[in-house]
N, C-alpha and C. Protein backbone atom coordinates (compact mmCIF):
# COMPACT_ATOMS: atom_id res chain seq x y z
N MET A 1 -33.43 -3.22 1.97
CA MET A 1 -33.77 -4.49 1.30
C MET A 1 -33.27 -4.50 -0.15
N LYS A 2 -33.41 -3.34 -0.81
CA LYS A 2 -32.99 -3.24 -2.20
C LYS A 2 -31.48 -3.47 -2.35
N THR A 3 -30.70 -3.00 -1.38
CA THR A 3 -29.25 -3.20 -1.42
C THR A 3 -28.90 -4.67 -1.31
N LEU A 4 -29.57 -5.39 -0.40
CA LEU A 4 -29.34 -6.83 -0.26
C LEU A 4 -29.69 -7.55 -1.55
N GLN A 5 -30.83 -7.20 -2.15
CA GLN A 5 -31.22 -7.81 -3.42
C GLN A 5 -30.17 -7.58 -4.49
N THR A 6 -29.67 -6.37 -4.55
CA THR A 6 -28.66 -6.02 -5.55
C THR A 6 -27.40 -6.86 -5.38
N TRP A 7 -26.90 -6.97 -4.16
CA TRP A 7 -25.68 -7.73 -3.92
C TRP A 7 -25.87 -9.23 -4.10
N VAL A 8 -27.07 -9.72 -3.80
CA VAL A 8 -27.36 -11.14 -4.08
C VAL A 8 -27.37 -11.37 -5.59
N ALA A 9 -27.97 -10.44 -6.34
CA ALA A 9 -27.99 -10.55 -7.80
C ALA A 9 -26.58 -10.48 -8.36
N ILE A 10 -25.74 -9.60 -7.82
CA ILE A 10 -24.35 -9.49 -8.29
C ILE A 10 -23.60 -10.79 -7.99
N ALA A 11 -23.79 -11.34 -6.80
CA ALA A 11 -23.13 -12.60 -6.45
C ALA A 11 -23.58 -13.73 -7.38
N LEU A 12 -24.87 -13.79 -7.66
CA LEU A 12 -25.41 -14.80 -8.58
C LEU A 12 -24.84 -14.60 -9.98
N LEU A 13 -24.79 -13.37 -10.42
CA LEU A 13 -24.24 -13.03 -11.73
C LEU A 13 -22.79 -13.46 -11.84
N VAL A 14 -22.00 -13.18 -10.82
CA VAL A 14 -20.58 -13.55 -10.83
C VAL A 14 -20.43 -15.07 -10.86
N THR A 15 -21.22 -15.77 -10.07
CA THR A 15 -21.16 -17.24 -10.04
C THR A 15 -21.53 -17.84 -11.39
N GLU A 16 -22.61 -17.37 -11.97
CA GLU A 16 -23.06 -17.90 -13.27
C GLU A 16 -22.06 -17.59 -14.38
N SER A 17 -21.53 -16.39 -14.37
CA SER A 17 -20.57 -16.00 -15.39
C SER A 17 -19.27 -16.80 -15.27
N THR A 18 -18.80 -16.99 -14.05
CA THR A 18 -17.58 -17.77 -13.84
C THR A 18 -17.78 -19.22 -14.27
N ALA A 19 -18.92 -19.78 -13.90
CA ALA A 19 -19.21 -21.16 -14.30
C ALA A 19 -19.23 -21.28 -15.83
N GLY A 20 -19.85 -20.31 -16.50
CA GLY A 20 -19.88 -20.33 -17.96
C GLY A 20 -18.49 -20.23 -18.56
N ASP A 21 -17.68 -19.33 -18.02
CA ASP A 21 -16.30 -19.17 -18.52
C ASP A 21 -15.50 -20.46 -18.37
N ILE A 22 -15.60 -21.09 -17.21
CA ILE A 22 -14.82 -22.30 -16.94
C ILE A 22 -15.30 -23.45 -17.83
N LEU A 23 -16.61 -23.61 -17.96
CA LEU A 23 -17.15 -24.71 -18.78
C LEU A 23 -16.77 -24.54 -20.25
N ILE A 24 -16.86 -23.33 -20.76
CA ILE A 24 -16.51 -23.10 -22.16
C ILE A 24 -15.01 -23.27 -22.37
N SER A 25 -14.21 -22.79 -21.44
CA SER A 25 -12.77 -22.96 -21.55
C SER A 25 -12.37 -24.43 -21.52
N ARG A 26 -12.99 -25.18 -20.62
CA ARG A 26 -12.70 -26.62 -20.55
C ARG A 26 -13.05 -27.31 -21.87
N THR A 27 -14.17 -26.95 -22.45
CA THR A 27 -14.58 -27.55 -23.73
C THR A 27 -13.56 -27.23 -24.82
N MET A 28 -13.15 -25.97 -24.90
CA MET A 28 -12.24 -25.57 -25.96
C MET A 28 -10.87 -26.23 -25.79
N LYS A 29 -10.45 -26.46 -24.56
CA LYS A 29 -9.17 -27.15 -24.33
C LYS A 29 -9.27 -28.62 -24.76
N ARG A 30 -10.44 -29.22 -24.55
CA ARG A 30 -10.63 -30.62 -24.97
C ARG A 30 -10.65 -30.75 -26.48
N ILE A 31 -11.28 -29.79 -27.16
CA ILE A 31 -11.39 -29.86 -28.61
C ILE A 31 -10.03 -29.65 -29.27
N GLY A 32 -9.28 -28.70 -28.77
CA GLY A 32 -7.96 -28.43 -29.33
C GLY A 32 -7.97 -27.24 -30.27
N ASP A 33 -6.98 -27.18 -31.12
CA ASP A 33 -6.78 -26.06 -32.04
C ASP A 33 -7.88 -26.05 -33.11
N LEU A 34 -8.71 -25.01 -33.08
CA LEU A 34 -9.82 -24.93 -34.03
C LEU A 34 -9.33 -24.65 -35.45
N GLN A 35 -8.26 -23.90 -35.59
CA GLN A 35 -7.72 -23.64 -36.93
C GLN A 35 -7.25 -24.93 -37.60
N GLU A 36 -6.58 -25.75 -36.82
CA GLU A 36 -6.10 -27.03 -37.35
C GLU A 36 -7.27 -27.94 -37.72
N LEU A 37 -8.26 -27.99 -36.85
CA LEU A 37 -9.45 -28.81 -37.12
C LEU A 37 -10.18 -28.29 -38.36
N ARG A 38 -10.27 -26.98 -38.50
CA ARG A 38 -10.93 -26.39 -39.67
C ARG A 38 -10.18 -26.73 -40.95
N ARG A 39 -8.86 -26.67 -40.89
CA ARG A 39 -8.06 -27.02 -42.07
C ARG A 39 -8.24 -28.49 -42.46
N GLN A 40 -8.35 -29.36 -41.46
CA GLN A 40 -8.46 -30.79 -41.73
C GLN A 40 -9.86 -31.21 -42.16
N ALA A 41 -10.88 -30.66 -41.49
CA ALA A 41 -12.23 -31.18 -41.71
C ALA A 41 -13.25 -30.15 -42.19
N GLY A 42 -12.91 -28.87 -42.17
CA GLY A 42 -13.84 -27.85 -42.62
C GLY A 42 -14.60 -27.22 -41.46
N ILE A 43 -15.19 -26.07 -41.77
CA ILE A 43 -15.87 -25.28 -40.74
C ILE A 43 -17.11 -25.99 -40.19
N CYS A 44 -17.81 -26.74 -41.01
CA CYS A 44 -19.00 -27.45 -40.53
C CYS A 44 -18.63 -28.47 -39.46
N ARG A 45 -17.54 -29.15 -39.65
CA ARG A 45 -17.07 -30.13 -38.66
C ARG A 45 -16.70 -29.45 -37.35
N VAL A 46 -16.10 -28.26 -37.44
CA VAL A 46 -15.75 -27.51 -36.24
C VAL A 46 -17.02 -27.16 -35.45
N VAL A 47 -18.02 -26.65 -36.15
CA VAL A 47 -19.28 -26.27 -35.49
C VAL A 47 -19.94 -27.48 -34.85
N VAL A 48 -20.00 -28.59 -35.57
CA VAL A 48 -20.61 -29.81 -35.03
C VAL A 48 -19.83 -30.30 -33.81
N ARG A 49 -18.53 -30.25 -33.89
CA ARG A 49 -17.70 -30.73 -32.77
C ARG A 49 -17.89 -29.87 -31.52
N VAL A 50 -17.94 -28.57 -31.69
CA VAL A 50 -18.13 -27.67 -30.55
C VAL A 50 -19.52 -27.86 -29.96
N LEU A 51 -20.54 -27.88 -30.81
CA LEU A 51 -21.92 -27.96 -30.32
C LEU A 51 -22.29 -29.34 -29.78
N SER A 52 -21.47 -30.35 -30.07
CA SER A 52 -21.78 -31.70 -29.57
C SER A 52 -21.28 -31.92 -28.14
N HIS A 53 -20.51 -30.99 -27.62
CA HIS A 53 -20.01 -31.10 -26.25
C HIS A 53 -21.05 -30.54 -25.28
N GLY A 54 -21.47 -31.36 -24.35
CA GLY A 54 -22.45 -30.94 -23.35
C GLY A 54 -21.94 -29.82 -22.46
N THR A 55 -20.63 -29.83 -22.17
CA THR A 55 -20.10 -28.78 -21.30
C THR A 55 -20.15 -27.41 -21.99
N PHE A 56 -20.02 -27.39 -23.31
CA PHE A 56 -20.12 -26.13 -24.03
C PHE A 56 -21.55 -25.58 -23.92
N LEU A 57 -22.52 -26.47 -24.14
CA LEU A 57 -23.92 -26.03 -24.06
C LEU A 57 -24.29 -25.60 -22.65
N LEU A 58 -23.77 -26.31 -21.65
CA LEU A 58 -24.00 -25.93 -20.26
C LEU A 58 -23.35 -24.56 -19.97
N GLY A 59 -22.18 -24.33 -20.51
CA GLY A 59 -21.51 -23.04 -20.36
C GLY A 59 -22.31 -21.91 -20.99
N ILE A 60 -22.87 -22.16 -22.16
CA ILE A 60 -23.72 -21.16 -22.82
C ILE A 60 -24.96 -20.90 -21.97
N GLY A 61 -25.52 -21.95 -21.38
CA GLY A 61 -26.67 -21.78 -20.50
C GLY A 61 -26.33 -20.92 -19.29
N CYS A 62 -25.17 -21.16 -18.70
CA CYS A 62 -24.73 -20.35 -17.55
C CYS A 62 -24.54 -18.90 -17.94
N MET A 63 -23.94 -18.67 -19.11
CA MET A 63 -23.75 -17.30 -19.58
C MET A 63 -25.09 -16.61 -19.86
N SER A 64 -26.06 -17.36 -20.35
CA SER A 64 -27.39 -16.80 -20.59
C SER A 64 -28.04 -16.41 -19.28
N LEU A 65 -27.95 -17.28 -18.28
CA LEU A 65 -28.49 -16.95 -16.96
C LEU A 65 -27.80 -15.72 -16.38
N ALA A 66 -26.50 -15.62 -16.58
CA ALA A 66 -25.76 -14.45 -16.09
C ALA A 66 -26.26 -13.18 -16.75
N PHE A 67 -26.56 -13.25 -18.03
CA PHE A 67 -27.07 -12.07 -18.74
C PHE A 67 -28.41 -11.62 -18.17
N PHE A 68 -29.31 -12.57 -17.96
CA PHE A 68 -30.62 -12.20 -17.42
C PHE A 68 -30.53 -11.75 -15.97
N THR A 69 -29.59 -12.29 -15.23
CA THR A 69 -29.35 -11.81 -13.86
C THR A 69 -28.81 -10.39 -13.90
N LEU A 70 -27.95 -10.11 -14.87
CA LEU A 70 -27.43 -8.74 -15.04
C LEU A 70 -28.57 -7.77 -15.32
N LEU A 71 -29.49 -8.15 -16.18
CA LEU A 71 -30.63 -7.28 -16.47
C LEU A 71 -31.46 -7.02 -15.22
N THR A 72 -31.65 -8.07 -14.43
CA THR A 72 -32.41 -7.92 -13.19
C THR A 72 -31.69 -6.98 -12.23
N ALA A 73 -30.39 -7.17 -12.06
CA ALA A 73 -29.61 -6.32 -11.16
C ALA A 73 -29.64 -4.87 -11.63
N LEU A 74 -29.59 -4.66 -12.93
CA LEU A 74 -29.63 -3.29 -13.46
C LEU A 74 -30.99 -2.63 -13.25
N SER A 75 -32.03 -3.43 -13.10
CA SER A 75 -33.34 -2.85 -12.82
C SER A 75 -33.46 -2.44 -11.35
N TRP A 76 -32.56 -2.95 -10.51
CA TRP A 76 -32.58 -2.63 -9.08
C TRP A 76 -31.56 -1.59 -8.67
N ALA A 77 -30.47 -1.46 -9.42
CA ALA A 77 -29.38 -0.57 -9.02
C ALA A 77 -28.77 0.11 -10.24
N ASP A 78 -27.92 1.09 -9.97
CA ASP A 78 -27.26 1.84 -11.03
C ASP A 78 -26.20 1.00 -11.73
N VAL A 79 -26.03 1.27 -13.01
CA VAL A 79 -25.02 0.57 -13.78
C VAL A 79 -23.62 0.91 -13.26
N SER A 80 -23.46 2.07 -12.64
CA SER A 80 -22.15 2.46 -12.10
C SER A 80 -21.73 1.60 -10.92
N LEU A 81 -22.67 0.87 -10.32
CA LEU A 81 -22.34 -0.09 -9.27
C LEU A 81 -22.30 -1.51 -9.81
N VAL A 82 -23.35 -1.90 -10.50
CA VAL A 82 -23.49 -3.29 -10.97
C VAL A 82 -22.42 -3.67 -11.97
N GLY A 83 -22.16 -2.82 -12.94
CA GLY A 83 -21.16 -3.13 -13.97
C GLY A 83 -19.77 -3.38 -13.42
N PRO A 84 -19.20 -2.41 -12.73
CA PRO A 84 -17.85 -2.63 -12.19
C PRO A 84 -17.79 -3.74 -11.15
N ALA A 85 -18.80 -3.85 -10.29
CA ALA A 85 -18.78 -4.90 -9.26
C ALA A 85 -18.80 -6.28 -9.90
N ALA A 86 -19.68 -6.47 -10.85
CA ALA A 86 -19.77 -7.78 -11.51
C ALA A 86 -18.50 -8.09 -12.29
N ALA A 87 -17.98 -7.10 -13.01
CA ALA A 87 -16.79 -7.33 -13.82
C ALA A 87 -15.57 -7.64 -12.95
N SER A 88 -15.37 -6.87 -11.90
CA SER A 88 -14.17 -7.08 -11.08
C SER A 88 -14.25 -8.38 -10.29
N LEU A 89 -15.41 -8.67 -9.75
CA LEU A 89 -15.54 -9.91 -8.98
C LEU A 89 -15.45 -11.13 -9.89
N THR A 90 -15.96 -11.00 -11.11
CA THR A 90 -15.84 -12.10 -12.07
C THR A 90 -14.37 -12.31 -12.44
N PHE A 91 -13.63 -11.24 -12.58
CA PHE A 91 -12.19 -11.33 -12.86
C PHE A 91 -11.48 -12.09 -11.75
N LEU A 92 -11.84 -11.80 -10.52
CA LEU A 92 -11.24 -12.46 -9.36
C LEU A 92 -11.64 -13.94 -9.29
N THR A 93 -12.93 -14.23 -9.46
CA THR A 93 -13.38 -15.62 -9.38
C THR A 93 -12.92 -16.45 -10.58
N ASP A 94 -12.76 -15.81 -11.74
CA ASP A 94 -12.22 -16.53 -12.89
C ASP A 94 -10.80 -17.00 -12.62
N ALA A 95 -10.00 -16.13 -12.03
CA ALA A 95 -8.62 -16.50 -11.71
C ALA A 95 -8.60 -17.65 -10.70
N LEU A 96 -9.44 -17.57 -9.69
CA LEU A 96 -9.51 -18.62 -8.68
C LEU A 96 -10.00 -19.94 -9.28
N ALA A 97 -11.06 -19.87 -10.08
CA ALA A 97 -11.62 -21.08 -10.69
C ALA A 97 -10.66 -21.69 -11.71
N ALA A 98 -9.94 -20.84 -12.44
CA ALA A 98 -8.95 -21.36 -13.41
C ALA A 98 -7.87 -22.14 -12.67
N ARG A 99 -7.47 -21.64 -11.53
CA ARG A 99 -6.44 -22.31 -10.71
C ARG A 99 -6.95 -23.64 -10.19
N ILE A 100 -8.18 -23.65 -9.69
CA ILE A 100 -8.73 -24.85 -9.05
C ILE A 100 -9.22 -25.88 -10.06
N PHE A 101 -10.06 -25.47 -11.00
CA PHE A 101 -10.74 -26.42 -11.88
C PHE A 101 -9.97 -26.73 -13.16
N LEU A 102 -9.24 -25.76 -13.69
CA LEU A 102 -8.52 -25.98 -14.94
C LEU A 102 -7.03 -26.24 -14.71
N LYS A 103 -6.60 -26.15 -13.46
CA LYS A 103 -5.20 -26.37 -13.08
C LYS A 103 -4.26 -25.44 -13.84
N GLU A 104 -4.72 -24.22 -14.11
CA GLU A 104 -3.88 -23.24 -14.78
C GLU A 104 -2.97 -22.56 -13.77
N ARG A 105 -1.84 -22.12 -14.25
CA ARG A 105 -0.91 -21.37 -13.40
C ARG A 105 -1.31 -19.91 -13.46
N VAL A 106 -1.67 -19.34 -12.33
CA VAL A 106 -2.05 -17.93 -12.25
C VAL A 106 -0.91 -17.21 -11.52
N ASP A 107 -0.23 -16.33 -12.23
CA ASP A 107 0.95 -15.68 -11.62
C ASP A 107 0.55 -14.55 -10.67
N ARG A 108 1.55 -14.05 -9.96
CA ARG A 108 1.32 -13.02 -8.95
C ARG A 108 0.77 -11.73 -9.53
N ARG A 109 1.20 -11.39 -10.73
CA ARG A 109 0.69 -10.16 -11.35
C ARG A 109 -0.80 -10.23 -11.58
N ARG A 110 -1.28 -11.38 -12.01
CA ARG A 110 -2.73 -11.52 -12.26
C ARG A 110 -3.50 -11.47 -10.95
N TRP A 111 -2.96 -12.11 -9.90
CA TRP A 111 -3.62 -12.03 -8.58
C TRP A 111 -3.65 -10.60 -8.08
N ALA A 112 -2.53 -9.91 -8.21
CA ALA A 112 -2.46 -8.51 -7.75
C ALA A 112 -3.44 -7.64 -8.52
N ALA A 113 -3.51 -7.83 -9.83
CA ALA A 113 -4.44 -7.05 -10.65
C ALA A 113 -5.88 -7.31 -10.23
N ALA A 114 -6.22 -8.57 -10.00
CA ALA A 114 -7.58 -8.91 -9.59
C ALA A 114 -7.93 -8.28 -8.24
N VAL A 115 -7.00 -8.33 -7.31
CA VAL A 115 -7.25 -7.74 -5.99
C VAL A 115 -7.38 -6.23 -6.07
N PHE A 116 -6.52 -5.57 -6.86
CA PHE A 116 -6.59 -4.12 -6.99
C PHE A 116 -7.90 -3.67 -7.65
N VAL A 117 -8.33 -4.40 -8.66
CA VAL A 117 -9.59 -4.05 -9.32
C VAL A 117 -10.75 -4.23 -8.35
N ALA A 118 -10.77 -5.34 -7.62
CA ALA A 118 -11.84 -5.57 -6.65
C ALA A 118 -11.82 -4.51 -5.54
N ALA A 119 -10.63 -4.11 -5.09
CA ALA A 119 -10.53 -3.08 -4.06
C ALA A 119 -11.04 -1.74 -4.60
N GLY A 120 -10.74 -1.44 -5.83
CA GLY A 120 -11.24 -0.20 -6.44
C GLY A 120 -12.75 -0.17 -6.53
N VAL A 121 -13.34 -1.28 -6.88
CA VAL A 121 -14.79 -1.35 -6.92
C VAL A 121 -15.40 -1.24 -5.53
N ALA A 122 -14.73 -1.84 -4.54
CA ALA A 122 -15.21 -1.71 -3.16
C ALA A 122 -15.21 -0.25 -2.72
N LEU A 123 -14.20 0.51 -3.14
CA LEU A 123 -14.17 1.94 -2.83
C LEU A 123 -15.31 2.69 -3.52
N LEU A 124 -15.60 2.31 -4.75
CA LEU A 124 -16.71 2.93 -5.47
C LEU A 124 -18.05 2.61 -4.83
N ALA A 125 -18.19 1.40 -4.34
CA ALA A 125 -19.47 0.94 -3.80
C ALA A 125 -19.78 1.54 -2.43
N SER A 126 -18.74 1.98 -1.72
CA SER A 126 -19.00 2.50 -0.37
C SER A 126 -19.39 3.95 -0.35
């Protein structure tokens, strides 16, 4: 039962972390170049502009949930399993979500790297 709980927590952690990454990335792409905005309007305007986007705040919320899910998973299993599994699977789902939701071009090297990292973690987990 503990193993199932651990893998459910890892899956939840990966989902929340990926959602946070995608939401924050989408927000930053909409805002544009922060250096240019800072030069034009100052640092206070940059902070207000970033914090006024609902997708940014939602992304921060997802990342917060991912952190607390990580803490829960670490209370159930060893860090030598949870850390690499969550990191590698997040790397894989980030590439997939970037392709689907952000319409980014993900090249073959990045796909290969994601698959190799996930396969390495699968070997560690078994």
